[in-house]
Amino acid sequence: MNYFTSAKPYNSLNEYYKREYGKKVAKISLNAGFTCPNRDGKKGYGGCIFCSKDLSGDFAGDKNKSLKEQFDDIKEVILKKWPDTLFIPYFQAGSNTYAPIEYLKKIFNEAILFDPKVVGISIATRGDCINHDIAKMLGDINKKIHVQVELGLQSANEKTSDYINRKMTNQEFEIAVELLRKENIEVVCHIINGLPNETIDNMLDTIRYINKLDIQGVKIHSLLILKDTILADNYKKDKFPILDLEKYVEIVCKQISILRPDIIIHRLAADGNANDLILPLWTKKKMVVMNEIDKYLRKNNIYQGKEYKK
């Protein structure tokens, strides 16, 4: 089964939720105050070079409030726009399985009871922050309500991994996917286009890499250079090439054409905090980016999986 439409010839997340749940589903981004093994010294310091001061949780709730308060605040805003909406609490900021397992069990089980309209939870983390016990704990929750885990890969190229200070191997990523899938947990992979020194072939190879893994979703977006990041400092020194909108659209559409046709596309454009964004400025207009991608696909008769090869 696919979730293609005439406007979007790929498995969009909105269409997937609409058909699965019969109505709109909104993710509510939360900040549980997690750090990361790549910041606290366990793996490294400073984090990935592109990571913001909010640990990629720029649009998450206020970490000074309880998780329930964060959820309720954002829920009220969403309901004004979409009154009949289902919800997924989304643990976004930091590495959200990087804590003692009893604490994780407590907050995740509390989150599924935040509201009668909660239909699942989504947890963003790193592959090296998943072990057997954590996967089993998440599997137990998955028997009660749908659990989705988002894992940051960014690139399958190990040289790129070293440059961005990822401090996680592809093997660790693969092990995490296997552990989660044994518990029947949906896995979503994050990748970034336009990382320094990456060619188009590198970006396409990352899609070919995830095609071979048992993942169910992917998030694709362009590199964002944000203030107060190591990447911003590097750019001041090196002025490495930045993808323009036209090239980004072309690359994404090529990626969609080779993407395994059963994978759900959760995101195709980034929208960083406008106050912190240095480049590329075209990312400020997310809907323009999305519309350009859709137009390019239709104009060139491209659809998800058209060029997919097992």
Protein backbone atom coordinates (compact mmCIF):
# COMPACT_ATOMS: atom_id res chain seq x y z
CA MET A 1 0.00 0.00 0.00
CA ASN A 2 1.22 3.51 -0.74
CA TYR A 3 0.00 6.93 0.34
CA PHE A 4 0.62 8.78 -2.91
CA THR A 5 -1.72 11.55 -4.09
CA SER A 6 -1.90 13.41 -7.39
CA ALA A 7 -0.28 16.42 -5.71
CA LYS A 8 2.36 14.46 -3.80
CA PRO A 9 3.66 11.32 -5.56
CA TYR A 10 5.23 9.93 -2.43
CA ASN A 11 4.27 8.66 1.02
CA SER A 12 3.72 11.92 2.87
CA LEU A 13 3.31 11.82 6.64
CA ASN A 14 0.06 13.80 6.55
CA GLU A 15 -1.56 11.39 4.12
CA TYR A 16 -0.26 8.41 6.09
CA TYR A 17 -1.79 9.71 9.34
CA LYS A 18 -5.01 10.70 7.60
CA ARG A 19 -5.56 7.20 6.25
CA GLU A 20 -4.40 5.42 9.39
CA TYR A 21 -6.34 7.51 11.92
CA GLY A 22 -9.07 9.12 9.82
CA LYS A 23 -8.17 12.65 10.90
CA LYS A 24 -5.27 15.05 11.39
CA VAL A 25 -2.50 14.06 13.79
CA ALA A 26 -0.26 16.73 15.33
CA LYS A 27 3.09 16.12 16.99
CA ILE A 28 3.70 18.23 20.10
CA SER A 29 7.41 18.91 20.62
CA LEU A 30 8.64 18.58 24.20
CA ASN A 31 11.87 19.43 25.96
CA ALA A 32 12.60 16.99 28.77
CA GLY A 33 16.00 18.53 29.51
CA PHE A 34 18.08 15.72 28.05
CA THR A 35 21.72 16.21 27.11
CA CYS A 36 23.76 14.04 24.75
CA PRO A 37 26.79 11.71 25.08
CA ASN A 38 28.42 13.88 22.45
CA ARG A 39 28.17 16.92 24.73
CA ASP A 40 28.79 15.70 28.27
CA GLY A 41 32.11 13.97 27.53
CA LYS A 42 30.99 10.34 27.33
CA LYS A 43 31.59 10.38 23.57
CA GLY A 44 32.78 13.93 23.01
CA TYR A 45 32.20 17.60 23.67
CA GLY A 46 30.39 20.31 21.73
CA GLY A 47 27.94 17.97 20.02
CA CYS A 48 27.50 17.60 16.28
CA ILE A 49 28.82 20.74 14.64
CA PHE A 50 25.38 21.81 13.33
CA CYS A 51 23.48 21.25 16.57
CA SER A 52 21.85 24.36 18.04
CA LYS A 53 22.18 25.61 21.59
CA ASP A 54 18.73 24.10 22.22
CA LEU A 55 19.99 20.67 21.14
CA SER A 56 17.82 20.66 18.00
CA GLY A 57 14.74 21.39 20.04
CA ASP A 58 14.26 24.97 18.88
CA PHE A 59 10.49 24.63 18.65
CA ALA A 60 10.01 22.36 21.65
CA GLY A 61 8.25 23.41 24.84
CA ASP A 62 9.70 25.45 27.67
CA LYS A 63 12.03 23.14 29.60
CA ASN A 64 11.35 25.16 32.76
CA LYS A 65 7.80 23.82 32.73
CA SER A 66 6.66 20.27 33.36
CA LEU A 67 6.16 18.03 30.33
CA LYS A 68 2.40 18.09 30.87
CA GLU A 69 2.40 21.90 30.98
CA GLN A 70 4.44 22.03 27.79
CA PHE A 71 2.01 19.63 26.14
CA ASP A 72 -1.07 21.58 27.22
CA ASP A 73 0.39 24.94 26.13
CA ILE A 74 1.10 23.74 22.60
CA LYS A 75 -2.10 21.70 22.40
CA GLU A 76 -4.22 24.79 23.00
CA VAL A 77 -2.52 26.60 20.10
CA ILE A 78 -3.05 23.64 17.77
CA LEU A 79 -6.72 23.24 18.69
CA LYS A 80 -7.42 26.83 17.66
CA LYS A 81 -6.33 25.93 14.13
CA TRP A 82 -7.46 22.29 13.98
CA PRO A 83 -10.21 21.60 16.55
CA ASP A 84 -10.54 17.90 15.73
CA THR A 85 -6.96 16.72 16.09
CA LEU A 86 -5.18 13.71 17.54
CA PHE A 87 -1.82 14.12 19.27
CA ILE A 88 1.62 12.55 19.51
CA PRO A 89 3.91 13.85 22.29
CA TYR A 90 7.29 14.27 20.62
CA PHE A 91 10.39 14.13 22.82
CA GLN A 92 12.57 16.28 20.57
CA ALA A 93 15.37 18.20 22.31
CA GLY A 94 18.59 16.31 23.05
CA SER A 95 19.05 12.53 23.07
CA ASN A 96 15.81 11.36 24.61
CA THR A 97 16.89 7.87 25.69
CA TYR A 98 20.08 9.07 27.36
CA ALA A 99 19.04 8.64 30.99
CA PRO A 100 18.43 5.88 33.57
CA ILE A 101 15.85 3.45 32.28
CA GLU A 102 13.47 3.89 35.22
CA TYR A 103 13.27 7.61 34.53
CA LEU A 104 12.64 7.00 30.84
CA LYS A 105 9.94 4.48 31.65
CA LYS A 106 8.27 6.98 33.98
CA ILE A 107 8.14 9.97 31.62
CA PHE A 108 7.15 7.98 28.53
CA ASN A 109 4.33 6.19 30.35
CA GLU A 110 3.12 9.52 31.74
CA ALA A 111 3.14 11.07 28.25
CA ILE A 112 0.77 8.52 26.75
CA LEU A 113 -1.79 9.61 29.38
CA PHE A 114 -1.49 13.36 28.78
CA ASP A 115 -4.75 13.46 26.85
CA PRO A 116 -7.40 10.97 25.63
CA LYS A 117 -6.53 12.02 22.08
CA VAL A 118 -2.90 10.89 22.35
CA VAL A 119 -2.40 8.08 19.80
CA GLY A 120 1.32 7.48 20.25
CA ILE A 121 4.66 8.92 21.30
CA SER A 122 7.69 9.88 19.25
CA ILE A 123 11.21 9.85 20.69
CA ALA A 124 14.25 11.48 19.04
CA THR A 125 17.61 10.00 20.01
CA ARG A 126 20.93 8.59 18.81
CA GLY A 127 21.72 5.04 17.76
CA ASP A 128 24.32 4.74 20.51
CA CYS A 129 21.67 5.64 23.11
CA ILE A 130 19.65 2.50 22.40
CA ASN A 131 20.48 -0.78 24.10
CA HIS A 132 18.62 -4.04 24.67
CA ASP A 133 16.99 -2.93 27.93
CA ILE A 134 15.82 0.40 26.54
CA ALA A 135 14.44 -1.26 23.41
CA LYS A 136 12.60 -3.81 25.55
CA MET A 137 11.13 -1.05 27.75
CA LEU A 138 9.94 0.82 24.66
CA GLY A 139 8.57 -2.43 23.29
CA ASP A 140 6.43 -2.84 26.40
CA ILE A 141 4.98 0.65 25.87
CA ASN A 142 4.50 -0.16 22.19
CA LYS A 143 2.10 -2.93 23.22
CA LYS A 144 -0.12 -0.25 24.80
CA ILE A 145 0.24 2.58 22.27
CA HIS A 146 2.22 3.24 19.10
CA VAL A 147 5.89 4.12 19.71
CA GLN A 148 8.07 5.78 17.09
CA VAL A 149 11.82 6.32 17.52
CA GLU A 150 13.73 8.86 15.43
CA LEU A 151 17.44 8.17 14.96
CA GLY A 152 19.91 10.76 13.68
CA LEU A 153 22.13 9.40 10.92
CA GLN A 154 22.66 12.59 8.85
CA SER A 155 24.99 10.82 6.39
CA ALA A 156 26.08 7.26 5.71
CA ASN A 157 29.53 8.55 4.74
CA GLU A 158 31.95 7.85 7.59
CA LYS A 159 34.27 10.70 6.53
CA THR A 160 31.34 13.10 6.81
CA SER A 161 30.51 11.56 10.19
CA ASP A 162 33.99 12.43 11.40
CA TYR A 163 33.76 15.98 10.06
CA ILE A 164 30.43 16.71 11.73
CA ASN A 165 31.69 15.19 15.00
CA ARG A 166 28.84 12.66 15.08
CA LYS A 167 30.80 10.29 17.35
CA MET A 168 28.61 7.37 16.33
CA THR A 169 29.44 4.61 13.86
CA ASN A 170 27.15 3.27 11.19
CA GLN A 171 27.37 -0.08 12.94
CA GLU A 172 25.98 1.43 16.14
CA PHE A 173 23.14 2.90 14.10
CA GLU A 174 22.39 -0.47 12.50
CA ILE A 175 22.40 -2.26 15.86
CA ALA A 176 19.90 0.27 17.25
CA VAL A 177 17.59 -0.29 14.27
CA GLU A 178 17.75 -4.05 14.79
CA LEU A 179 17.02 -3.80 18.52
CA LEU A 180 14.04 -1.51 17.97
CA ARG A 181 12.59 -3.56 15.13
CA LYS A 182 12.73 -6.71 17.27
CA GLU A 183 10.23 -4.87 19.46
CA ASN A 184 8.15 -3.89 16.42
CA ILE A 185 8.92 -0.21 16.99
CA GLU A 186 8.67 2.18 14.04
CA VAL A 187 12.06 3.69 13.19
CA VAL A 188 12.50 7.05 11.46
CA CYS A 189 15.92 8.09 10.13
CA HIS A 190 17.17 11.71 9.94
CA ILE A 191 19.45 12.75 7.07
CA ILE A 192 20.89 16.13 6.03
CA ASN A 193 21.64 17.29 2.49
CA GLY A 194 24.44 19.75 1.79
CA LEU A 195 26.88 18.76 4.51
CA PRO A 196 30.38 20.15 3.81
CA ASN A 197 32.45 18.13 1.32
CA GLU A 198 29.52 15.90 0.35
CA THR A 199 28.78 15.25 -3.33
CA ILE A 200 25.39 14.47 -4.83
CA ASP A 201 26.52 10.84 -5.06
CA ASN A 202 27.21 10.86 -1.31
CA MET A 203 23.69 12.11 -0.62
CA LEU A 204 22.15 9.50 -2.91
CA ASP A 205 24.32 6.80 -1.31
CA THR A 206 22.84 7.70 2.08
CA ILE A 207 19.38 6.89 0.67
CA ARG A 208 20.70 3.62 -0.76
CA TYR A 209 22.14 2.81 2.66
CA ILE A 210 18.89 3.35 4.56
CA ASN A 211 16.97 1.44 1.85
CA LYS A 212 18.79 -1.68 3.03
CA LEU A 213 17.78 -1.20 6.67
CA ASP A 214 14.47 -2.05 8.31
CA ILE A 215 13.35 1.55 8.73
CA GLN A 216 9.82 2.81 8.25
CA GLY A 217 10.32 6.57 7.89
CA VAL A 218 12.80 9.24 6.85
CA LYS A 219 13.29 12.94 7.55
CA ILE A 220 15.29 14.84 4.93
CA HIS A 221 16.34 18.46 5.19
CA SER A 222 19.01 20.88 4.11
CA LEU A 223 21.99 21.84 6.20
CA LEU A 224 21.22 24.84 8.40
CA ILE A 225 24.00 27.11 9.61
CA LEU A 226 22.83 28.51 12.94
CA LYS A 227 24.37 31.10 15.21
CA ASP A 228 26.51 29.90 18.12
CA THR A 229 27.37 26.55 16.51
CA ILE A 230 30.71 25.03 15.56
CA LEU A 231 29.43 24.87 11.98
CA ALA A 232 28.94 28.66 11.96
CA ASP A 233 32.54 29.12 13.10
CA ASN A 234 33.75 26.71 10.39
CA TYR A 235 31.80 28.58 7.74
CA LYS A 236 33.37 31.91 8.71
CA LYS A 237 36.79 30.34 8.11
CA ASP A 238 36.17 28.12 5.08
CA LYS A 239 33.09 29.52 3.25
CA PHE A 240 32.22 26.02 1.98
CA PRO A 241 29.50 25.82 -0.72
CA ILE A 242 25.87 26.04 0.40
CA LEU A 243 23.08 24.42 -1.62
CA ASP A 244 20.77 26.88 -3.31
CA LEU A 245 17.05 26.14 -3.50
CA GLU A 246 17.16 24.87 -7.08
CA LYS A 247 19.95 22.38 -6.37
CA TYR A 248 18.36 21.24 -3.12
CA VAL A 249 15.06 20.53 -4.88
CA GLU A 250 16.84 18.58 -7.61
CA ILE A 251 18.75 16.45 -5.08
CA VAL A 252 15.68 15.72 -2.94
CA CYS A 253 13.70 14.63 -5.99
CA LYS A 254 16.50 12.29 -7.05
CA GLN A 255 16.51 10.87 -3.53
CA ILE A 256 12.74 10.35 -3.63
CA SER A 257 13.07 8.52 -6.95
CA ILE A 258 15.47 5.93 -5.47
CA LEU A 259 13.87 5.75 -2.01
CA ARG A 260 12.30 2.40 -1.12
CA PRO A 261 8.60 2.81 -1.97
CA ASP A 262 7.22 1.67 1.41
CA ILE A 263 9.08 4.27 3.51
CA ILE A 264 7.03 7.18 4.89
CA ILE A 265 8.53 10.62 4.25
CA HIS A 266 8.16 12.63 7.48
CA ARG A 267 9.93 15.77 6.31
CA LEU A 268 11.45 17.26 3.16
CA ALA A 269 12.31 20.78 4.36
CA ALA A 270 13.87 22.31 7.47
CA ASP A 271 12.67 25.35 9.36
CA GLY A 272 15.25 26.47 11.89
CA ASN A 273 14.74 29.34 14.28
CA ALA A 274 14.72 32.44 12.06
CA ASN A 275 16.52 34.50 14.71
CA ASP A 276 19.46 32.07 14.69
CA LEU A 277 19.57 31.21 10.99
CA ILE A 278 22.64 32.40 9.10
CA LEU A 279 22.28 30.36 5.88
CA PRO A 280 20.61 29.30 3.66
CA LEU A 281 18.00 32.04 3.85
CA TRP A 282 15.64 30.31 1.40
CA THR A 283 14.84 27.77 4.14
CA LYS A 284 12.80 30.46 5.91
CA LYS A 285 10.01 29.81 3.40
CA LYS A 286 9.29 26.17 4.12
CA MET A 287 6.07 26.00 2.12
CA VAL A 288 7.84 27.47 -0.92
CA VAL A 289 10.44 24.70 -0.66
CA MET A 290 7.74 22.04 -0.36
CA ASN A 291 5.81 23.46 -3.32
CA GLU A 292 8.94 23.55 -5.48
CA ILE A 293 9.67 19.90 -4.67
CA ASP A 294 6.13 18.84 -5.54
CA LYS A 295 6.18 20.83 -8.79
CA TYR A 296 9.54 19.33 -9.82
CA LEU A 297 8.29 15.81 -9.16
CA ARG A 298 5.13 16.28 -11.23
CA LYS A 299 6.89 18.12 -14.06
CA ASN A 300 9.49 15.38 -14.44
CA ASN A 301 7.14 12.45 -13.79
CA ILE A 302 9.11 11.38 -10.73
CA TYR A 303 7.53 9.37 -7.93
CA GLN A 304 8.87 7.62 -4.86
CA GLY A 305 10.65 4.41 -5.76
CA LYS A 306 10.63 4.98 -9.53
CA GLU A 307 14.37 4.26 -9.72
CA TYR A 308 14.54 2.07 -6.61
CA LYS A 309 16.74 -1.01 -6.95
CA LYS A 310 16.92 -3.76 -4.34
